[in-house]
Amino acid sequence: MSENAYEAIEGAIVRCELPPGTPLVDRQLSEALGVSRTPIRDAMQSLEAAGLAVRVRGRYSVAGFDAEDVRELYGVRRLLEPAGLEALARTWDDETVEELAGFFDQARPPGPPGPYEEYLARDHAFHKRIVSLTGNSRLKRFYAVNEKQINRIRHYLAPGYAGRMREVVSEHEDLCGAIAGKDLEAARTALIGHLDAGEATMITFLAQQEGSASD
């Protein structure tokens, strides 16, 4: 029951159905999920350990994030994801190249309201797949630690993506094209450029949100 409670609350946090700063009240959550308070309290401790919840004076709330958090998370991605491309380039396995090159071929063009979610899920799977190419279980576990936070940022950023989706699609096309051409340097440049642009967009969007909140 604790695991189910954790997964339900974690999912709501990652999808930003519970935005940063939302109080996590065990009584309300136990009623909503139809469980006792004990598994809720266990889930709260696990969410705190995962960096998705914070506890102040014994009360839990959804963890926030700021520009420095974004920089750190994208910094991890810049270290791990190129390693996946480098591993691929050691063999340029045709099946894997074909898979990655066509990863977005069946993705519907992103736009409000629904396809954003579909495209973000595909985006998430693509970058996770790149990291998996390292074949390094420790790197994959380390990436998984950051995965929920990264996915939460993607969901939080979705409204701010409205003016950037063409660029996102184009960046993925450049990266997939470089992989199809088995050009490691071009693929690495496209990947880092994509991550840099994503980081900058997120930081700008966060600043806008903070500005709106202070008005």
C-alpha atoms as a PDB file:
ATOM      1  CA  MET A   1       0.000   0.000   0.000  1.00  0.00           C
ATOM      2  CA  SER A   2       2.883   2.349   0.760  1.00  0.00           C
ATOM      3  CA  GLU A   3       4.335   1.692  -2.690  1.00  0.00           C
ATOM      4  CA  ASN A   4       0.983   2.351  -4.365  1.00  0.00           C
ATOM      5  CA  ALA A   5       0.542   5.545  -2.368  1.00  0.00           C
ATOM      6  CA  TYR A   6       4.035   6.656  -3.287  1.00  0.00           C
ATOM      7  CA  GLU A   7       3.477   6.017  -6.992  1.00  0.00           C
ATOM      8  CA  ALA A   8       0.158   7.866  -6.986  1.00  0.00           C
ATOM      9  CA  ILE A   9       1.522  10.951  -5.234  1.00  0.00           C
ATOM     10  CA  GLU A  10       4.797  10.883  -7.167  1.00  0.00           C
ATOM     11  CA  GLY A  11       2.888  10.742 -10.458  1.00  0.00           C
ATOM     12  CA  ALA A  12       0.756  13.725  -9.476  1.00  0.00           C
ATOM     13  CA  ILE A  13       3.879  15.693  -8.518  1.00  0.00           C
ATOM     14  CA  VAL A  14       5.798  14.785 -11.685  1.00  0.00           C
ATOM     15  CA  ARG A  15       2.803  15.689 -13.885  1.00  0.00           C
ATOM     16  CA  CYS A  16       2.539  18.963 -11.920  1.00  0.00           C
ATOM     17  CA  GLU A  17      -1.022  18.142 -10.914  1.00  0.00           C
ATOM     18  CA  LEU A  18       0.429  18.957  -7.499  1.00  0.00           C
ATOM     19  CA  PRO A  19       2.537  22.056  -8.316  1.00  0.00           C
ATOM     20  CA  PRO A  20       5.600  23.152  -6.358  1.00  0.00           C
ATOM     21  CA  GLY A  21       4.665  24.431  -2.908  1.00  0.00           C
ATOM     22  CA  THR A  22       1.413  22.445  -2.637  1.00  0.00           C
ATOM     23  CA  PRO A  23       0.861  21.235   0.972  1.00  0.00           C
ATOM     24  CA  LEU A  24       0.835  17.440   1.285  1.00  0.00           C
ATOM     25  CA  VAL A  25      -1.654  16.754   4.069  1.00  0.00           C
ATOM     26  CA  ASP A  26      -1.756  13.115   5.107  1.00  0.00           C
ATOM     27  CA  ARG A  27      -5.441  13.187   6.079  1.00  0.00           C
ATOM     28  CA  GLN A  28      -6.512  14.622   2.732  1.00  0.00           C
ATOM     29  CA  LEU A  29      -4.270  12.259   0.770  1.00  0.00           C
ATOM     30  CA  SER A  30      -5.422   9.198   2.707  1.00  0.00           C
ATOM     31  CA  GLU A  31      -9.044  10.086   1.945  1.00  0.00           C
ATOM     32  CA  ALA A  32      -8.315  10.759  -1.718  1.00  0.00           C
ATOM     33  CA  LEU A  33      -6.398   7.488  -2.168  1.00  0.00           C
ATOM     34  CA  GLY A  34      -8.582   5.368   0.099  1.00  0.00           C
ATOM     35  CA  VAL A  35      -5.747   4.231   2.365  1.00  0.00           C
ATOM     36  CA  SER A  36      -4.779   4.798   5.980  1.00  0.00           C
ATOM     37  CA  ARG A  37      -2.378   7.522   7.018  1.00  0.00           C
ATOM     38  CA  THR A  38       0.472   5.076   7.630  1.00  0.00           C
ATOM     39  CA  PRO A  39       1.274   4.369   3.938  1.00  0.00           C
ATOM     40  CA  ILE A  40       0.863   8.086   3.217  1.00  0.00           C
ATOM     41  CA  ARG A  41       3.442   8.946   5.862  1.00  0.00           C
ATOM     42  CA  ASP A  42       5.778   6.271   4.495  1.00  0.00           C
ATOM     43  CA  ALA A  43       5.304   7.746   1.009  1.00  0.00           C
ATOM     44  CA  MET A  44       6.094  11.240   2.318  1.00  0.00           C
ATOM     45  CA  GLN A  45       9.447  10.065   3.647  1.00  0.00           C
ATOM     46  CA  SER A  46      10.305   8.418   0.327  1.00  0.00           C
ATOM     47  CA  LEU A  47       9.248  11.520  -1.615  1.00  0.00           C
ATOM     48  CA  GLU A  48      11.463  13.654   0.616  1.00  0.00           C
ATOM     49  CA  ALA A  49      14.405  11.301  -0.033  1.00  0.00           C
ATOM     50  CA  ALA A  50      13.728  11.583  -3.799  1.00  0.00           C
ATOM     51  CA  GLY A  51      13.780  15.386  -3.605  1.00  0.00           C
ATOM     52  CA  LEU A  52      10.117  15.698  -4.595  1.00  0.00           C
ATOM     53  CA  ALA A  53       8.834  16.782  -1.183  1.00  0.00           C
ATOM     54  CA  VAL A  54      10.212  18.931   1.617  1.00  0.00           C
ATOM     55  CA  ARG A  55       9.390  18.936   5.317  1.00  0.00           C
ATOM     56  CA  VAL A  56       9.310  22.133   7.344  1.00  0.00           C
ATOM     57  CA  ARG A  57       8.309  21.972  11.023  1.00  0.00           C
ATOM     58  CA  GLY A  58       6.853  18.526  10.502  1.00  0.00           C
ATOM     59  CA  ARG A  59       4.680  19.497   7.539  1.00  0.00           C
ATOM     60  CA  TYR A  60       5.280  18.275   4.016  1.00  0.00           C
ATOM     61  CA  SER A  61       4.829  20.157   0.764  1.00  0.00           C
ATOM     62  CA  VAL A  62       5.807  19.618  -2.850  1.00  0.00           C
ATOM     63  CA  ALA A  63       9.429  20.646  -3.391  1.00  0.00           C
ATOM     64  CA  GLY A  64      10.036  23.690  -5.509  1.00  0.00           C
ATOM     65  CA  PHE A  65      12.911  24.219  -7.887  1.00  0.00           C
ATOM     66  CA  ASP A  66      14.828  27.240  -9.042  1.00  0.00           C
ATOM     67  CA  ALA A  67      17.268  28.222 -11.754  1.00  0.00           C
ATOM     68  CA  GLU A  68      20.191  26.574  -9.961  1.00  0.00           C
ATOM     69  CA  ASP A  69      18.293  23.278  -9.773  1.00  0.00           C
ATOM     70  CA  VAL A  70      17.667  23.508 -13.512  1.00  0.00           C
ATOM     71  CA  ARG A  71      21.353  24.177 -14.206  1.00  0.00           C
ATOM     72  CA  GLU A  72      22.414  21.209 -12.097  1.00  0.00           C
ATOM     73  CA  LEU A  73      19.933  18.814 -13.700  1.00  0.00           C
ATOM     74  CA  TYR A  74      20.886  19.859 -17.213  1.00  0.00           C
ATOM     75  CA  GLY A  75      24.537  19.655 -16.210  1.00  0.00           C
ATOM     76  CA  VAL A  76      24.005  15.992 -15.343  1.00  0.00           C
ATOM     77  CA  ARG A  77      22.344  15.454 -18.709  1.00  0.00           C
ATOM     78  CA  ARG A  78      25.311  17.041 -20.527  1.00  0.00           C
ATOM     79  CA  LEU A  79      27.599  14.533 -18.832  1.00  0.00           C
ATOM     80  CA  LEU A  80      25.523  11.386 -19.330  1.00  0.00           C
ATOM     81  CA  GLU A  81      23.752  11.702 -22.662  1.00  0.00           C
ATOM     82  CA  PRO A  82      26.842  12.330 -24.839  1.00  0.00           C
ATOM     83  CA  ALA A  83      28.306   9.170 -23.294  1.00  0.00           C
ATOM     84  CA  GLY A  84      25.444   7.260 -24.904  1.00  0.00           C
ATOM     85  CA  LEU A  85      26.259   8.725 -28.310  1.00  0.00           C
ATOM     86  CA  GLU A  86      29.933   7.883 -27.864  1.00  0.00           C
ATOM     87  CA  ALA A  87      29.022   4.289 -27.019  1.00  0.00           C
ATOM     88  CA  LEU A  88      26.844   4.071 -30.131  1.00  0.00           C
ATOM     89  CA  ALA A  89      29.638   5.501 -32.284  1.00  0.00           C
ATOM     90  CA  ARG A  90      31.973   2.661 -31.299  1.00  0.00           C
ATOM     91  CA  THR A  91      29.951   0.285 -33.488  1.00  0.00           C
ATOM     92  CA  TRP A  92      27.264   2.374 -35.236  1.00  0.00           C
ATOM     93  CA  ASP A  93      24.989  -0.646 -34.918  1.00  0.00           C
ATOM     94  CA  ASP A  94      22.612  -0.329 -37.880  1.00  0.00           C
ATOM     95  CA  GLU A  95      19.514  -1.433 -35.977  1.00  0.00           C
ATOM     96  CA  THR A  96      20.091   1.066 -33.174  1.00  0.00           C
ATOM     97  CA  VAL A  97      20.928   3.854 -35.628  1.00  0.00           C
ATOM     98  CA  GLU A  98      17.694   3.183 -37.500  1.00  0.00           C
ATOM     99  CA  GLU A  99      15.713   3.127 -34.251  1.00  0.00           C
ATOM    100  CA  LEU A 100      17.051   6.481 -33.033  1.00  0.00           C
ATOM    101  CA  ALA A 101      16.998   8.144 -36.441  1.00  0.00           C
ATOM    102  CA  GLY A 102      13.285   7.394 -36.776  1.00  0.00           C
ATOM    103  CA  PHE A 103      12.347   7.871 -33.140  1.00  0.00           C
ATOM    104  CA  PHE A 104      10.023  10.803 -33.809  1.00  0.00           C
ATOM    105  CA  ASP A 105       8.687   9.695 -37.184  1.00  0.00           C
ATOM    106  CA  GLN A 106       5.365   8.581 -35.721  1.00  0.00           C
ATOM    107  CA  ALA A 107       5.073  11.431 -33.220  1.00  0.00           C
ATOM    108  CA  ARG A 108       2.228  13.819 -33.876  1.00  0.00           C
ATOM    109  CA  PRO A 109       3.237  17.478 -34.193  1.00  0.00           C
ATOM    110  CA  PRO A 110       3.040  18.924 -30.687  1.00  0.00           C
ATOM    111  CA  GLY A 111       0.385  21.497 -29.902  1.00  0.00           C
ATOM    112  CA  PRO A 112      -2.209  22.245 -27.238  1.00  0.00           C
ATOM    113  CA  PRO A 113      -3.738  20.593 -25.428  1.00  0.00           C
ATOM    114  CA  GLY A 114      -3.057  16.860 -25.700  1.00  0.00           C
ATOM    115  CA  PRO A 115      -0.165  16.323 -28.092  1.00  0.00           C
ATOM    116  CA  TYR A 116       2.209  18.243 -25.820  1.00  0.00           C
ATOM    117  CA  GLU A 117       1.965  15.364 -23.357  1.00  0.00           C
ATOM    118  CA  GLU A 118       2.449  12.774 -26.073  1.00  0.00           C
ATOM    119  CA  TYR A 119       5.451  14.571 -27.509  1.00  0.00           C
ATOM    120  CA  LEU A 120       7.028  15.167 -24.095  1.00  0.00           C
ATOM    121  CA  ALA A 121       6.668  11.458 -23.311  1.00  0.00           C
ATOM    122  CA  ARG A 122       8.357  10.599 -26.607  1.00  0.00           C
ATOM    123  CA  ASP A 123      11.081  13.165 -25.909  1.00  0.00           C
ATOM    124  CA  HIS A 124      11.630  11.634 -22.478  1.00  0.00           C
ATOM    125  CA  ALA A 125      11.890   8.103 -23.901  1.00  0.00           C
ATOM    126  CA  PHE A 126      14.342   9.257 -26.572  1.00  0.00           C
ATOM    127  CA  HIS A 127      16.848  10.762 -24.154  1.00  0.00           C
ATOM    128  CA  LYS A 128      16.515   7.826 -21.752  1.00  0.00           C
ATOM    129  CA  ARG A 129      17.250   5.474 -24.646  1.00  0.00           C
ATOM    130  CA  ILE A 130      20.402   7.422 -25.515  1.00  0.00           C
ATOM    131  CA  VAL A 131      21.710   7.021 -21.962  1.00  0.00           C
ATOM    132  CA  SER A 132      20.885   3.295 -22.024  1.00  0.00           C
ATOM    133  CA  LEU A 133      23.328   2.868 -24.917  1.00  0.00           C
ATOM    134  CA  THR A 134      26.218   3.233 -22.468  1.00  0.00           C
ATOM    135  CA  GLY A 135      25.384  -0.226 -21.164  1.00  0.00           C
ATOM    136  CA  ASN A 136      26.654   1.053 -17.813  1.00  0.00           C
ATOM    137  CA  SER A 137      24.213   0.062 -15.078  1.00  0.00           C
ATOM    138  CA  ARG A 138      25.609   2.641 -12.652  1.00  0.00           C
ATOM    139  CA  LEU A 139      25.201   5.485 -15.137  1.00  0.00           C
ATOM    140  CA  LYS A 140      21.673   4.334 -15.900  1.00  0.00           C
ATOM    141  CA  ARG A 141      20.798   4.220 -12.192  1.00  0.00           C
ATOM    142  CA  PHE A 142      22.322   7.654 -11.667  1.00  0.00           C
ATOM    143  CA  TYR A 143      20.281   9.006 -14.581  1.00  0.00           C
ATOM    144  CA  ALA A 144      17.175   7.373 -13.101  1.00  0.00           C
ATOM    145  CA  VAL A 145      17.734   9.315  -9.863  1.00  0.00           C
ATOM    146  CA  ASN A 146      17.438  12.525 -11.872  1.00  0.00           C
ATOM    147  CA  GLU A 147      14.760  11.158 -14.196  1.00  0.00           C
ATOM    148  CA  LYS A 148      11.724  12.121 -12.119  1.00  0.00           C
ATOM    149  CA  GLN A 149      13.017  15.649 -11.592  1.00  0.00           C
ATOM    150  CA  ILE A 150      13.804  15.988 -15.290  1.00  0.00           C
ATOM    151  CA  ASN A 151      10.344  14.740 -16.222  1.00  0.00           C
ATOM    152  CA  ARG A 152       8.725  17.119 -13.737  1.00  0.00           C
ATOM    153  CA  ILE A 153      10.571  20.021 -15.333  1.00  0.00           C
ATOM    154  CA  ARG A 154       9.331  18.921 -18.761  1.00  0.00           C
ATOM    155  CA  HIS A 155       5.741  18.956 -17.533  1.00  0.00           C
ATOM    156  CA  TYR A 156       6.179  22.258 -15.743  1.00  0.00           C
ATOM    157  CA  LEU A 157       7.762  23.739 -18.841  1.00  0.00           C
ATOM    158  CA  ALA A 158       5.021  22.564 -21.205  1.00  0.00           C
ATOM    159  CA  PRO A 159       3.046  25.855 -21.114  1.00  0.00           C
ATOM    160  CA  GLY A 160       6.252  27.789 -21.772  1.00  0.00           C
ATOM    161  CA  TYR A 161       7.047  25.556 -24.742  1.00  0.00           C
ATOM    162  CA  ALA A 162       4.253  27.078 -26.817  1.00  0.00           C
ATOM    163  CA  GLY A 163       6.635  29.457 -28.541  1.00  0.00           C
ATOM    164  CA  ARG A 164       9.503  26.981 -28.778  1.00  0.00           C
ATOM    165  CA  MET A 165       8.002  23.774 -30.092  1.00  0.00           C
ATOM    166  CA  ARG A 166       9.127  24.388 -33.678  1.00  0.00           C
ATOM    167  CA  GLU A 167      12.679  24.745 -32.422  1.00  0.00           C
ATOM    168  CA  VAL A 168      12.383  21.610 -30.279  1.00  0.00           C
ATOM    169  CA  VAL A 169      11.156  19.572 -33.243  1.00  0.00           C
ATOM    170  CA  SER A 170      13.909  21.027 -35.446  1.00  0.00           C
ATOM    171  CA  GLU A 171      16.575  20.245 -32.834  1.00  0.00           C
ATOM    172  CA  HIS A 172      15.413  16.651 -32.628  1.00  0.00           C
ATOM    173  CA  GLU A 173      15.458  16.427 -36.418  1.00  0.00           C
ATOM    174  CA  ASP A 174      19.061  17.687 -36.480  1.00  0.00           C
ATOM    175  CA  LEU A 175      20.095  15.177 -33.818  1.00  0.00           C
ATOM    176  CA  CYS A 176      18.303  12.260 -35.471  1.00  0.00           C
ATOM    177  CA  GLY A 177      19.765  13.260 -38.840  1.00  0.00           C
ATOM    178  CA  ALA A 178      23.288  13.304 -37.446  1.00  0.00           C
ATOM    179  CA  ILE A 179      22.746   9.851 -35.940  1.00  0.00           C
ATOM    180  CA  ALA A 180      21.373   8.592 -39.262  1.00  0.00           C
ATOM    181  CA  GLY A 181      24.531   9.928 -40.919  1.00  0.00           C
ATOM    182  CA  LYS A 182      26.702   8.262 -38.242  1.00  0.00           C
ATOM    183  CA  ASP A 183      28.364  11.590 -37.517  1.00  0.00           C
ATOM    184  CA  LEU A 184      29.330  11.620 -33.855  1.00  0.00           C
ATOM    185  CA  GLU A 185      30.586  15.192 -33.761  1.00  0.00           C
ATOM    186  CA  ALA A 186      27.443  16.543 -35.407  1.00  0.00           C
ATOM    187  CA  ALA A 187      25.257  14.442 -33.120  1.00  0.00           C
ATOM    188  CA  ARG A 188      27.076  15.627 -30.010  1.00  0.00           C
ATOM    189  CA  THR A 189      26.848  19.255 -31.135  1.00  0.00           C
ATOM    190  CA  ALA A 190      23.121  18.890 -31.860  1.00  0.00           C
ATOM    191  CA  LEU A 191      22.499  17.224 -28.505  1.00  0.00           C
ATOM    192  CA  ILE A 192      24.392  19.806 -26.456  1.00  0.00           C
ATOM    193  CA  GLY A 193      22.728  22.628 -28.377  1.00  0.00           C
ATOM    194  CA  HIS A 194      19.329  21.091 -27.671  1.00  0.00           C
ATOM    195  CA  LEU A 195      20.085  20.776 -23.963  1.00  0.00           C
ATOM    196  CA  ASP A 196      21.468  24.320 -23.783  1.00  0.00           C
ATOM    197  CA  ALA A 197      18.321  25.702 -25.414  1.00  0.00           C
ATOM    198  CA  GLY A 198      16.067  23.670 -23.124  1.00  0.00           C
ATOM    199  CA  GLU A 199      17.893  24.914 -20.057  1.00  0.00           C
ATOM    200  CA  ALA A 200      17.715  28.540 -21.186  1.00  0.00           C
ATOM    201  CA  THR A 201      13.995  28.256 -21.937  1.00  0.00           C
ATOM    202  CA  MET A 202      13.279  26.725 -18.548  1.00  0.00           C
ATOM    203  CA  ILE A 203      15.228  29.385 -16.660  1.00  0.00           C
ATOM    204  CA  THR A 204      13.487  32.156 -18.611  1.00  0.00           C
ATOM    205  CA  PHE A 205      10.067  30.603 -17.947  1.00  0.00           C
ATOM    206  CA  LEU A 206      10.831  30.266 -14.230  1.00  0.00           C
ATOM    207  CA  ALA A 207      11.851  33.934 -14.085  1.00  0.00           C
ATOM    208  CA  GLN A 208       8.596  34.907 -15.784  1.00  0.00           C
ATOM    209  CA  GLN A 209       6.600  32.836 -13.306  1.00  0.00           C
ATOM    210  CA  GLU A 210       8.422  34.422 -10.377  1.00  0.00           C
ATOM    211  CA  GLY A 211       7.809  37.868 -11.862  1.00  0.00           C
ATOM    212  CA  SER A 212       4.095  37.167 -12.268  1.00  0.00           C
ATOM    213  CA  ALA A 213       3.858  35.915  -8.692  1.00  0.00           C
ATOM    214  CA  SER A 214       5.473  39.088  -7.340  1.00  0.00           C
ATOM    215  CA  ASP A 215       3.202  41.469  -9.295  1.00  0.00           C
END
